[in-house]
PDB file of N, CA and C in Angstrom:
ATOM      1  N   MET A   1     -44.945-143.259 118.962  1.00  0.00           N
ATOM      2  CA  MET A   1     -44.369-143.308 120.250  1.00  0.00           C
ATOM      3  C   MET A   1     -45.560-143.438 121.332  1.00  0.00           C
ATOM      4  N   SER A   2     -46.644-142.918 121.217  1.00  0.00           N
ATOM      5  CA  SER A   2     -47.694-142.844 122.091  1.00  0.00           C
ATOM      6  C   SER A   2     -48.366-144.164 122.334  1.00  0.00           C
ATOM      7  N   SER A   3     -48.190-145.101 121.113  1.00  0.00           N
ATOM      8  CA  SER A   3     -48.900-146.348 121.395  1.00  0.00           C
ATOM      9  C   SER A   3     -48.113-147.343 122.262  1.00  0.00           C
ATOM     10  N   THR A   4     -46.821-147.166 122.628  1.00  0.00           N
ATOM     11  CA  THR A   4     -45.920-147.976 123.496  1.00  0.00           C
ATOM     12  C   THR A   4     -46.054-147.546 124.939  1.00  0.00           C
ATOM     13  N   MET A   5     -46.519-146.127 125.136  1.00  0.00           N
ATOM     14  CA  MET A   5     -46.532-145.638 126.421  1.00  0.00           C
ATOM     15  C   MET A   5     -47.945-146.214 127.190  1.00  0.00           C
ATOM     16  N   ALA A   6     -47.866-146.456 128.341  1.00  0.00           N
ATOM     17  CA  ALA A   6     -48.978-146.898 129.046  1.00  0.00           C
ATOM     18  C   ALA A   6     -49.897-145.668 129.499  1.00  0.00           C
ATOM     19  N   GLU A   7     -51.184-146.081 129.563  1.00  0.00           N
ATOM     20  CA  GLU A   7     -52.112-145.032 129.699  1.00  0.00           C
ATOM     21  C   GLU A   7     -52.159-144.948 131.326  1.00  0.00           C
ATOM     22  N   PRO A   8     -52.349-143.570 131.732  1.00  0.00           N
ATOM     23  CA  PRO A   8     -52.388-143.348 133.321  1.00  0.00           C
ATOM     24  C   PRO A   8     -53.520-144.232 133.696  1.00  0.00           C
ATOM     25  N   ALA A   9     -53.525-144.407 135.010  1.00  0.00           N
ATOM     26  CA  ALA A   9     -54.710-145.086 135.656  1.00  0.00           C
ATOM     27  C   ALA A   9     -55.764-143.975 135.986  1.00  0.00           C
ATOM     28  N   PRO A  10     -56.982-144.481 135.929  1.00  0.00           N
ATOM     29  CA  PRO A  10     -57.930-143.280 136.419  1.00  0.00           C
ATOM     30  C   PRO A  10     -57.661-142.947 137.936  1.00  0.00           C
ATOM     31  N   ALA A  11     -57.912-141.667 138.116  1.00  0.00           N
ATOM     32  CA  ALA A  11     -57.618-141.172 139.409  1.00  0.00           C
ATOM     33  C   ALA A  11     -58.674-141.643 140.397  1.00  0.00           C
ATOM     34  N   ALA A  12     -58.134-142.044 141.620  1.00  0.00           N
ATOM     35  CA  ALA A  12     -59.073-142.548 142.673  1.00  0.00           C
ATOM     36  C   ALA A  12     -59.847-141.200 143.259  1.00  0.00           C
ATOM     37  N   HIS A  13     -60.940-141.495 143.819  1.00  0.00           N
ATOM     38  CA  HIS A  13     -61.596-140.438 144.523  1.00  0.00           C
ATOM     39  C   HIS A  13     -60.771-139.910 145.727  1.00  0.00           C
ATOM     40  N   THR A  14     -60.516-138.645 145.771  1.00  0.00           N
ATOM     41  CA  THR A  14     -59.714-137.894 146.887  1.00  0.00           C
ATOM     42  C   THR A  14     -60.581-136.747 147.503  1.00  0.00           C
ATOM     43  N   PRO A  15     -61.108-137.269 148.437  1.00  0.00           N
ATOM     44  CA  PRO A  15     -62.097-136.216 149.178  1.00  0.00           C
ATOM     45  C   PRO A  15     -61.188-135.000 149.816  1.00  0.00           C
ATOM     46  N   SER A  16     -61.938-134.004 150.023  1.00  0.00           N
ATOM     47  CA  SER A  16     -61.354-132.811 150.654  1.00  0.00           C
ATOM     48  C   SER A  16     -61.318-133.185 152.167  1.00  0.00           C
ATOM     49  N   ARG A  17     -60.890-132.209 152.896  1.00  0.00           N
ATOM     50  CA  ARG A  17     -60.630-132.474 154.401  1.00  0.00           C
ATOM     51  C   ARG A  17     -62.062-132.101 155.006  1.00  0.00           C
ATOM     52  N   LYS A  18     -63.044-131.562 154.450  1.00  0.00           N
ATOM     53  CA  LYS A  18     -64.137-131.195 155.038  1.00  0.00           C
ATOM     54  C   LYS A  18     -65.051-132.445 155.512  1.00  0.00           C
ATOM     55  N   PRO A  19     -65.134-133.400 154.674  1.00  0.00           N
ATOM     56  CA  PRO A  19     -65.868-134.611 155.263  1.00  0.00           C
ATOM     57  C   PRO A  19     -65.172-135.261 156.413  1.00  0.00           C
ATOM     58  N   TYR A  20     -63.840-135.329 156.663  1.00  0.00           N
ATOM     59  CA  TYR A  20     -63.288-135.715 157.731  1.00  0.00           C
ATOM     60  C   TYR A  20     -63.438-134.882 159.020  1.00  0.00           C
ATOM     61  N   PHE A  21     -63.483-133.628 158.859  1.00  0.00           N
ATOM     62  CA  PHE A  21     -63.722-132.853 160.009  1.00  0.00           C
ATOM     63  C   PHE A  21     -65.395-132.951 160.387  1.00  0.00           C
ATOM     64  N   LEU A  22     -66.005-132.984 159.414  1.00  0.00           N
ATOM     65  CA  LEU A  22     -67.506-133.248 159.756  1.00  0.00           C
ATOM     66  C   LEU A  22     -67.761-134.525 160.439  1.00  0.00           C
ATOM     67  N   THR A  23     -67.039-135.476 159.850  1.00  0.00           N
ATOM     68  CA  THR A  23     -67.327-136.888 160.500  1.00  0.00           C
ATOM     69  C   THR A  23     -66.746-136.774 161.751  1.00  0.00           C
ATOM     70  N   CYS A  24     -65.668-136.262 162.007  1.00  0.00           N
ATOM     71  CA  CYS A  24     -64.957-136.274 163.344  1.00  0.00           C
ATOM     72  C   CYS A  24     -65.809-135.447 164.433  1.00  0.00           C
ATOM     73  N   ALA A  25     -66.448-134.416 163.943  1.00  0.00           N
ATOM     74  CA  ALA A  25     -67.201-133.600 164.907  1.00  0.00           C
ATOM     75  C   ALA A  25     -68.661-134.388 165.212  1.00  0.00           C
ATOM     76  N   PHE A  26     -68.910-135.246 163.999  1.00  0.00           N
ATOM     77  CA  PHE A  26     -70.248-135.963 164.418  1.00  0.00           C
ATOM     78  C   PHE A  26     -69.908-137.111 165.515  1.00  0.00           C
ATOM     79  N   LEU A  27     -68.774-137.620 165.309  1.00  0.00           N
ATOM     80  CA  LEU A  27     -68.306-138.664 166.300  1.00  0.00           C
ATOM     81  C   LEU A  27     -68.134-138.093 167.620  1.00  0.00           C
ATOM     82  N   LEU A  28     -67.663-136.889 167.867  1.00  0.00           N
ATOM     83  CA  LEU A  28     -67.485-136.398 169.126  1.00  0.00           C
ATOM     84  C   LEU A  28     -68.828-135.990 169.765  1.00  0.00           C
ATOM     85  N   VAL A  29     -69.649-135.334 168.921  1.00  0.00           N
ATOM     86  CA  VAL A  29     -71.036-135.117 169.364  1.00  0.00           C
ATOM     87  C   VAL A  29     -71.836-136.282 169.868  1.00  0.00           C
ATOM     88  N   MET A  30     -71.621-137.409 169.041  1.00  0.00           N
ATOM     89  CA  MET A  30     -72.336-138.698 169.393  1.00  0.00           C
ATOM     90  C   MET A  30     -71.745-139.246 170.602  1.00  0.00           C
ATOM     91  N   THR A  31     -70.270-139.137 170.983  1.00  0.00           N
ATOM     92  CA  THR A  31     -69.847-139.629 172.168  1.00  0.00           C
ATOM     93  C   THR A  31     -70.308-138.629 173.327  1.00  0.00           C
ATOM     94  N   LEU A  32     -70.470-137.496 173.104  1.00  0.00           N
ATOM     95  CA  LEU A  32     -70.963-136.639 174.259  1.00  0.00           C
ATOM     96  C   LEU A  32     -72.464-136.983 174.483  1.00  0.00           C
ATOM     97  N   ILE A  33     -73.236-137.378 173.474  1.00  0.00           N
ATOM     98  CA  ILE A  33     -74.698-137.670 173.536  1.00  0.00           C
ATOM     99  C   ILE A  33     -74.618-139.111 174.498  1.00  0.00           C
ATOM    100  N   THR A  34     -73.676-140.128 174.034  1.00  0.00           N
ATOM    101  CA  THR A  34     -73.679-141.300 174.794  1.00  0.00           C
ATOM    102  C   THR A  34     -73.231-140.910 176.235  1.00  0.00           C
ATOM    103  N   TYR A  35     -72.436-140.173 176.535  1.00  0.00           N
ATOM    104  CA  TYR A  35     -72.055-139.834 177.836  1.00  0.00           C
ATOM    105  C   TYR A  35     -73.239-139.171 178.857  1.00  0.00           C
ATOM    106  N   VAL A  36     -74.057-138.407 178.098  1.00  0.00           N
ATOM    107  CA  VAL A  36     -75.173-137.751 178.749  1.00  0.00           C
ATOM    108  C   VAL A  36     -76.222-138.726 178.911  1.00  0.00           C
ATOM    109  N   VAL A  37     -76.465-139.533 178.056  1.00  0.00           N
ATOM    110  CA  VAL A  37     -77.713-140.555 178.109  1.00  0.00           C
ATOM    111  C   VAL A  37     -77.318-141.571 179.036  1.00  0.00           C
ATOM    112  N   ALA A  38     -75.965-141.970 179.236  1.00  0.00           N
ATOM    113  CA  ALA A  38     -75.540-142.785 180.226  1.00  0.00           C
ATOM    114  C   ALA A  38     -75.819-142.445 181.652  1.00  0.00           C
ATOM    115  N   LYS A  39     -75.887-141.091 181.825  1.00  0.00           N
ATOM    116  CA  LYS A  39     -76.228-140.577 183.194  1.00  0.00           C
ATOM    117  C   LYS A  39     -77.814-140.687 183.693  1.00  0.00           C
ATOM    118  N   PHE A  40     -78.667-141.002 182.604  1.00  0.00           N
ATOM    119  CA  PHE A  40     -80.007-141.223 183.012  1.00  0.00           C
ATOM    120  C   PHE A  40     -80.308-142.547 183.040  1.00  0.00           C
ATOM    121  N   ASP A  41     -81.329-142.966 184.027  1.00  0.00           N
ATOM    122  CA  ASP A  41     -81.697-144.347 183.960  1.00  0.00           C
ATOM    123  C   ASP A  41     -82.964-144.670 183.057  1.00  0.00           C
ATOM    124  N   LEU A  42     -82.719-145.278 182.118  1.00  0.00           N
ATOM    125  CA  LEU A  42     -83.866-145.422 181.060  1.00  0.00           C
ATOM    126  C   LEU A  42     -84.455-146.822 181.106  1.00  0.00           C
ATOM    127  N   GLY A  43     -83.889-147.576 182.171  1.00  0.00           N
ATOM    128  CA  GLY A  43     -84.462-148.901 182.306  1.00  0.00           C
ATOM    129  C   GLY A  43     -83.950-149.768 181.375  1.00  0.00           C
ATOM    130  N   PRO A  44     -84.884-150.602 180.670  1.00  0.00           N
ATOM    131  CA  PRO A  44     -84.276-151.543 179.571  1.00  0.00           C
ATOM    132  C   PRO A  44     -84.021-150.816 178.237  1.00  0.00           C
ATOM    133  N   LEU A  45     -84.303-149.645 178.170  1.00  0.00           N
ATOM    134  CA  LEU A  45     -83.983-148.898 176.906  1.00  0.00           C
ATOM    135  C   LEU A  45     -82.384-148.367 177.047  1.00  0.00           C
ATOM    136  N   ASN A  46     -81.854-148.447 178.032  1.00  0.00           N
ATOM    137  CA  ASN A  46     -80.330-148.077 178.129  1.00  0.00           C
ATOM    138  C   ASN A  46     -79.444-148.807 177.047  1.00  0.00           C
ATOM    139  N   ASP A  47     -79.750-150.031 176.981  1.00  0.00           N
ATOM    140  CA  ASP A  47     -78.988-150.962 176.103  1.00  0.00           C
ATOM    141  C   ASP A  47     -79.316-150.492 174.593  1.00  0.00           C
ATOM    142  N   VAL A  48     -80.789-150.483 174.254  1.00  0.00           N
ATOM    143  CA  VAL A  48     -81.077-150.013 173.116  1.00  0.00           C
ATOM    144  C   VAL A  48     -80.747-148.695 172.442  1.00  0.00           C
ATOM    145  N   VAL A  49     -80.610-147.572 173.363  1.00  0.00           N
ATOM    146  CA  VAL A  49     -80.085-146.337 172.940  1.00  0.00           C
ATOM    147  C   VAL A  49     -78.619-146.341 172.867  1.00  0.00           C
ATOM    148  N   ALA A  50     -77.817-147.042 173.692  1.00  0.00           N
ATOM    149  CA  ALA A  50     -76.362-147.167 173.540  1.00  0.00           C
ATOM    150  C   ALA A  50     -76.015-147.813 172.171  1.00  0.00           C
ATOM    151  N   LEU A  51     -76.711-148.927 172.033  1.00  0.00           N
ATOM    152  CA  LEU A  51     -76.371-149.654 170.715  1.00  0.00           C
ATOM    153  C   LEU A  51     -76.785-148.947 169.381  1.00  0.00           C
ATOM    154  N   SER A  52     -77.845-148.218 169.482  1.00  0.00           N
ATOM    155  CA  SER A  52     -78.215-147.247 168.393  1.00  0.00           C
ATOM    156  C   SER A  52     -77.176-146.296 168.098  1.00  0.00           C
ATOM    157  N   ILE A  53     -76.773-145.535 169.185  1.00  0.00           N
ATOM    158  CA  ILE A  53     -75.678-144.549 169.007  1.00  0.00           C
ATOM    159  C   ILE A  53     -74.423-145.150 168.400  1.00  0.00           C
ATOM    160  N   ALA A  54     -74.104-146.369 168.804  1.00  0.00           N
ATOM    161  CA  ALA A  54     -72.855-147.158 168.492  1.00  0.00           C
ATOM    162  C   ALA A  54     -73.119-147.536 166.928  1.00  0.00           C
ATOM    163  N   VAL A  55     -74.317-147.905 166.553  1.00  0.00           N
ATOM    164  CA  VAL A  55     -74.429-148.192 164.995  1.00  0.00           C
ATOM    165  C   VAL A  55     -74.236-147.014 164.186  1.00  0.00           C
ATOM    166  N   PHE A  56     -74.729-145.890 164.676  1.00  0.00           N
ATOM    167  CA  PHE A  56     -74.651-144.520 163.912  1.00  0.00           C
ATOM    168  C   PHE A  56     -73.046-144.190 163.697  1.00  0.00           C
ATOM    169  N   LYS A  57     -72.403-144.310 164.920  1.00  0.00           N
ATOM    170  CA  LYS A  57     -71.012-144.061 164.882  1.00  0.00           C
ATOM    171  C   LYS A  57     -70.217-145.081 164.059  1.00  0.00           C
ATOM    172  N   ALA A  58     -70.569-146.265 164.024  1.00  0.00           N
ATOM    173  CA  ALA A  58     -69.764-147.444 163.237  1.00  0.00           C
ATOM    174  C   ALA A  58     -70.034-147.068 161.708  1.00  0.00           C
ATOM    175  N   THR A  59     -71.326-146.631 161.464  1.00  0.00           N
ATOM    176  CA  THR A  59     -71.723-146.371 160.031  1.00  0.00           C
ATOM    177  C   THR A  59     -70.841-145.171 159.569  1.00  0.00           C
ATOM    178  N   ALA A  60     -70.855-144.125 160.440  1.00  0.00           N
ATOM    179  CA  ALA A  60     -69.945-143.020 159.934  1.00  0.00           C
ATOM    180  C   ALA A  60     -68.629-143.279 159.721  1.00  0.00           C
ATOM    181  N   VAL A  61     -68.010-144.264 160.625  1.00  0.00           N
ATOM    182  CA  VAL A  61     -66.496-144.623 160.369  1.00  0.00           C
ATOM    183  C   VAL A  61     -66.361-145.502 159.170  1.00  0.00           C
ATOM    184  N   VAL A  62     -67.461-146.438 158.949  1.00  0.00           N
ATOM    185  CA  VAL A  62     -67.185-147.249 157.759  1.00  0.00           C
ATOM    186  C   VAL A  62     -67.292-146.423 156.533  1.00  0.00           C
ATOM    187  N   LEU A  63     -68.359-145.624 156.313  1.00  0.00           N
ATOM    188  CA  LEU A  63     -68.718-144.728 155.067  1.00  0.00           C
ATOM    189  C   LEU A  63     -67.577-143.717 154.838  1.00  0.00           C
ATOM    190  N   PHE A  64     -67.024-143.092 155.829  1.00  0.00           N
ATOM    191  CA  PHE A  64     -66.213-141.924 155.558  1.00  0.00           C
ATOM    192  C   PHE A  64     -64.692-142.320 155.714  1.00  0.00           C
ATOM    193  N   PHE A  65     -64.340-142.821 157.007  1.00  0.00           N
ATOM    194  CA  PHE A  65     -62.927-143.030 157.203  1.00  0.00           C
ATOM    195  C   PHE A  65     -62.377-144.284 156.489  1.00  0.00           C
ATOM    196  N   MET A  66     -63.236-145.340 156.310  1.00  0.00           N
ATOM    197  CA  MET A  66     -62.821-146.439 155.423  1.00  0.00           C
ATOM    198  C   MET A  66     -63.190-146.370 154.020  1.00  0.00           C
ATOM    199  N   HIS A  67     -63.669-145.295 153.515  1.00  0.00           N
ATOM    200  CA  HIS A  67     -63.807-144.822 152.077  1.00  0.00           C
ATOM    201  C   HIS A  67     -64.826-145.802 151.353  1.00  0.00           C
ATOM    202  N   VAL A  68     -65.764-146.407 152.219  1.00  0.00           N
ATOM    203  CA  VAL A  68     -66.694-147.311 151.595  1.00  0.00           C
ATOM    204  C   VAL A  68     -67.775-146.540 150.736  1.00  0.00           C
ATOM    205  N   ARG A  69     -67.911-145.343 151.059  1.00  0.00           N
ATOM    206  CA  ARG A  69     -68.959-144.449 150.372  1.00  0.00           C
ATOM    207  C   ARG A  69     -68.573-144.358 148.881  1.00  0.00           C
ATOM    208  N   HIS A  70     -67.468-144.314 148.580  1.00  0.00           N
ATOM    209  CA  HIS A  70     -66.988-143.997 147.278  1.00  0.00           C
ATOM    210  C   HIS A  70     -66.095-145.284 146.634  1.00  0.00           C
ATOM    211  N   SER A  71     -66.482-146.474 147.269  1.00  0.00           N
ATOM    212  CA  SER A  71     -65.804-147.763 146.761  1.00  0.00           C
ATOM    213  C   SER A  71     -66.787-148.206 145.638  1.00  0.00           C
ATOM    214  N   SER A  72     -66.279-149.385 145.258  1.00  0.00           N
ATOM    215  CA  SER A  72     -67.074-150.231 144.233  1.00  0.00           C
ATOM    216  C   SER A  72     -68.089-150.886 144.840  1.00  0.00           C
ATOM    217  N   LYS A  73     -69.070-151.416 143.942  1.00  0.00           N
ATOM    218  CA  LYS A  73     -70.216-152.127 144.513  1.00  0.00           C
ATOM    219  C   LYS A  73     -69.951-153.434 145.097  1.00  0.00           C
ATOM    220  N   LEU A  74     -68.710-154.024 144.785  1.00  0.00           N
ATOM    221  CA  LEU A  74     -68.248-155.224 145.397  1.00  0.00           C
ATOM    222  C   LEU A  74     -67.860-154.947 146.837  1.00  0.00           C
ATOM    223  N   THR A  75     -67.237-153.851 147.048  1.00  0.00           N
ATOM    224  CA  THR A  75     -66.783-153.385 148.421  1.00  0.00           C
ATOM    225  C   THR A  75     -68.012-153.299 149.216  1.00  0.00           C
ATOM    226  N   LYS A  76     -68.998-152.475 148.804  1.00  0.00           N
ATOM    227  CA  LYS A  76     -70.228-152.264 149.401  1.00  0.00           C
ATOM    228  C   LYS A  76     -70.884-153.628 149.715  1.00  0.00           C
ATOM    229  N   LEU A  77     -70.935-154.478 148.907  1.00  0.00           N
ATOM    230  CA  LEU A  77     -71.648-155.640 149.174  1.00  0.00           C
ATOM    231  C   LEU A  77     -70.925-156.502 150.122  1.00  0.00           C
ATOM    232  N   THR A  78     -69.603-156.495 150.218  1.00  0.00           N
ATOM    233  CA  THR A  78     -68.793-157.132 151.206  1.00  0.00           C
ATOM    234  C   THR A  78     -69.123-156.554 152.506  1.00  0.00           C
ATOM    235  N   VAL A  79     -69.197-155.218 152.745  1.00  0.00           N
ATOM    236  CA  VAL A  79     -69.542-154.533 153.977  1.00  0.00           C
ATOM    237  C   VAL A  79     -70.914-155.030 154.331  1.00  0.00           C
ATOM    238  N   VAL A  80     -71.862-154.951 153.608  1.00  0.00           N
ATOM    239  CA  VAL A  80     -73.272-155.232 154.004  1.00  0.00           C
ATOM    240  C   VAL A  80     -73.320-156.707 154.362  1.00  0.00           C
ATOM    241  N   SER A  81     -72.739-157.616 153.617  1.00  0.00           N
ATOM    242  CA  SER A  81     -72.740-159.079 153.959  1.00  0.00           C
ATOM    243  C   SER A  81     -72.091-159.194 155.257  1.00  0.00           C
ATOM    244  N   GLY A  82     -71.008-158.527 155.528  1.00  0.00           N
ATOM    245  CA  GLY A  82     -70.507-158.683 157.038  1.00  0.00           C
ATOM    246  C   GLY A  82     -71.356-158.253 158.007  1.00  0.00           C
ATOM    247  N   PHE A  83     -72.061-157.191 157.835  1.00  0.00           N
ATOM    248  CA  PHE A  83     -73.079-156.726 158.910  1.00  0.00           C
ATOM    249  C   PHE A  83     -74.285-157.626 159.028  1.00  0.00           C
ATOM    250  N   LEU A  84     -74.635-158.267 157.779  1.00  0.00           N
ATOM    251  CA  LEU A  84     -75.611-159.242 157.811  1.00  0.00           C
ATOM    252  C   LEU A  84     -75.234-160.491 158.661  1.00  0.00           C
ATOM    253  N   TRP A  85     -74.073-160.963 158.515  1.00  0.00           N
ATOM    254  CA  TRP A  85     -73.451-162.174 159.068  1.00  0.00           C
ATOM    255  C   TRP A  85     -73.367-161.888 160.545  1.00  0.00           C
ATOM    256  N   LEU A  86     -72.921-160.597 160.945  1.00  0.00           N
ATOM    257  CA  LEU A  86     -72.893-160.214 162.439  1.00  0.00           C
ATOM    258  C   LEU A  86     -74.375-160.261 162.951  1.00  0.00           C
ATOM    259  N   ALA A  87     -75.349-159.792 162.271  1.00  0.00           N
ATOM    260  CA  ALA A  87     -76.649-159.773 162.737  1.00  0.00           C
ATOM    261  C   ALA A  87     -77.225-161.177 162.968  1.00  0.00           C
ATOM    262  N   PHE A  88     -76.867-162.043 161.929  1.00  0.00           N
ATOM    263  CA  PHE A  88     -77.179-163.487 161.969  1.00  0.00           C
ATOM    264  C   PHE A  88     -76.595-164.173 163.290  1.00  0.00           C
ATOM    265  N   MET A  89     -75.317-163.935 163.506  1.00  0.00           N
ATOM    266  CA  MET A  89     -74.719-164.477 164.710  1.00  0.00           C
ATOM    267  C   MET A  89     -75.167-163.982 165.967  1.00  0.00           C
ATOM    268  N   ILE A  90     -75.358-162.759 166.133  1.00  0.00           N
ATOM    269  CA  ILE A  90     -76.087-162.115 167.300  1.00  0.00           C
ATOM    270  C   ILE A  90     -77.495-162.913 167.452  1.00  0.00           C
ATOM    271  N   PHE A  91     -78.306-163.105 166.245  1.00  0.00           N
ATOM    272  CA  PHE A  91     -79.636-163.705 166.480  1.00  0.00           C
ATOM    273  C   PHE A  91     -79.454-165.061 166.924  1.00  0.00           C
ATOM    274  N   ILE A  92     -78.533-165.790 166.675  1.00  0.00           N
ATOM    275  CA  ILE A  92     -78.297-167.222 167.035  1.00  0.00           C
ATOM    276  C   ILE A  92     -77.934-167.230 168.469  1.00  0.00           C
ATOM    277  N   THR A  93     -77.070-166.298 168.962  1.00  0.00           N
ATOM    278  CA  THR A  93     -76.655-166.307 170.278  1.00  0.00           C
ATOM    279  C   THR A  93     -77.834-165.760 171.102  1.00  0.00           C
ATOM    280  N   MET A  94     -78.609-164.882 170.671  1.00  0.00           N
ATOM    281  CA  MET A  94     -79.624-164.528 171.494  1.00  0.00           C
ATOM    282  C   MET A  94     -80.937-165.412 171.475  1.00  0.00           C
ATOM    283  N   SER A  95     -81.116-166.301 170.469  1.00  0.00           N
ATOM    284  CA  SER A  95     -82.084-167.228 170.427  1.00  0.00           C
ATOM    285  C   SER A  95     -81.708-168.391 171.546  1.00  0.00           C
ATOM    286  N   ASP A  96     -80.389-168.661 171.722  1.00  0.00           N
ATOM    287  CA  ASP A  96     -80.117-169.645 172.691  1.00  0.00           C
ATOM    288  C   ASP A  96     -80.479-168.934 174.164  1.00  0.00           C
ATOM    289  N   TYR A  97     -80.061-167.810 174.169  1.00  0.00           N
ATOM    290  CA  TYR A  97     -80.399-166.960 175.474  1.00  0.00           C
ATOM    291  C   TYR A  97     -81.757-167.048 175.864  1.00  0.00           C
ATOM    292  N   TRP A  98     -82.659-166.653 174.768  1.00  0.00           N
ATOM    293  CA  TRP A  98     -84.062-166.544 174.904  1.00  0.00           C
ATOM    294  C   TRP A  98     -84.682-167.858 175.465  1.00  0.00           C
ATOM    295  N   THR A  99     -84.099-168.961 175.016  1.00  0.00           N
ATOM    296  CA  THR A  99     -84.901-170.182 175.017  1.00  0.00           C
ATOM    297  C   THR A  99     -84.258-171.063 176.247  1.00  0.00           C
ATOM    298  N   ARG A 100     -83.453-170.514 177.177  1.00  0.00           N
ATOM    299  CA  ARG A 100     -82.864-171.340 178.121  1.00  0.00           C
ATOM    300  C   ARG A 100     -83.948-171.655 179.291  1.00  0.00           C
ATOM    301  N   GLY A 101     -85.001-170.785 179.389  1.00  0.00           N
ATOM    302  CA  GLY A 101     -86.028-170.992 180.337  1.00  0.00           C
ATOM    303  C   GLY A 101     -86.910-172.267 180.052  1.00  0.00           C
ATOM    304  N   TRP A 102     -86.727-172.484 178.654  1.00  0.00           N
ATOM    305  CA  TRP A 102     -87.562-173.722 178.271  1.00  0.00           C
ATOM    306  C   TRP A 102     -87.111-175.141 178.843  1.00  0.00           C
ATOM    307  N   LEU A 103     -85.827-175.274 179.287  1.00  0.00           N
ATOM    308  CA  LEU A 103     -85.282-176.382 179.751  1.00  0.00           C
ATOM    309  C   LEU A 103     -85.970-176.764 181.189  1.00  0.00           C
ATOM    310  N   ASP A 104     -86.372-175.721 181.911  1.00  0.00           N
ATOM    311  CA  ASP A 104     -86.976-175.996 183.240  1.00  0.00           C
ATOM    312  C   ASP A 104     -88.504-176.492 182.946  1.00  0.00           C
ATOM    313  N   THR A 105     -89.044-175.843 182.083  1.00  0.00           N
ATOM    314  CA  THR A 105     -90.403-176.247 181.688  1.00  0.00           C
ATOM    315  C   THR A 105     -90.464-177.793 181.310  1.00  0.00           C
ATOM    316  N   PHE A 106     -89.523-178.209 180.367  1.00  0.00           N
ATOM    317  CA  PHE A 106     -89.570-179.641 180.019  1.00  0.00           C
ATOM    318  C   PHE A 106     -89.239-180.474 181.074  1.00  0.00           C
ATOM    319  N   ALA A 107     -88.381-180.052 181.981  1.00  0.00           N
ATOM    320  CA  ALA A 107     -87.851-180.944 183.073  1.00  0.00           C
ATOM    321  C   ALA A 107     -88.945-181.113 184.080  1.00  0.00           C
ATOM    322  N   SER A 108     -89.822-180.170 184.353  1.00  0.00           N
ATOM    323  CA  SER A 108     -90.668-180.137 185.374  1.00  0.00           C
ATOM    324  C   SER A 108     -91.822-181.054 184.970  1.00  0.00           C
ATOM    325  N   GLY A 109     -92.013-181.396 183.538  1.00  0.00           N
ATOM    326  CA  GLY A 109     -93.092-182.170 183.178  1.00  0.00           C
ATOM    327  C   GLY A 109     -92.735-183.659 183.230  1.00  0.00           C
ATOM    328  N   ARG A 110     -91.758-184.126 183.814  1.00  0.00           N
ATOM    329  CA  ARG A 110     -91.482-185.511 184.011  1.00  0.00           C
ATOM    330  C   ARG A 110     -91.971-186.091 185.222  1.00  0.00           C
TER     331      ARG A 110
END
């Protein structure tokens, strides 16, 4: 009779509540740090600091709340490739922005 019964599926990873609370606390602390840092004028570093904090927060959300930390290698590859694609698109956009001054240089040579 056991040969006709289906085998139970392997249990998925079910984390305890502790990582959720720690991640939530981390996100709240990083939000507070973002608020405090925004009060100071860091010059051109304002954007760098804000984006760095945002990357840390996004990484925590992806790893813990989206369960990528305990996912398959294919899921991790998909997430990494998505971030690489985002970086590539930002680089292409910024390369256009950085080279806009070149048009005046070439136009004045005529």
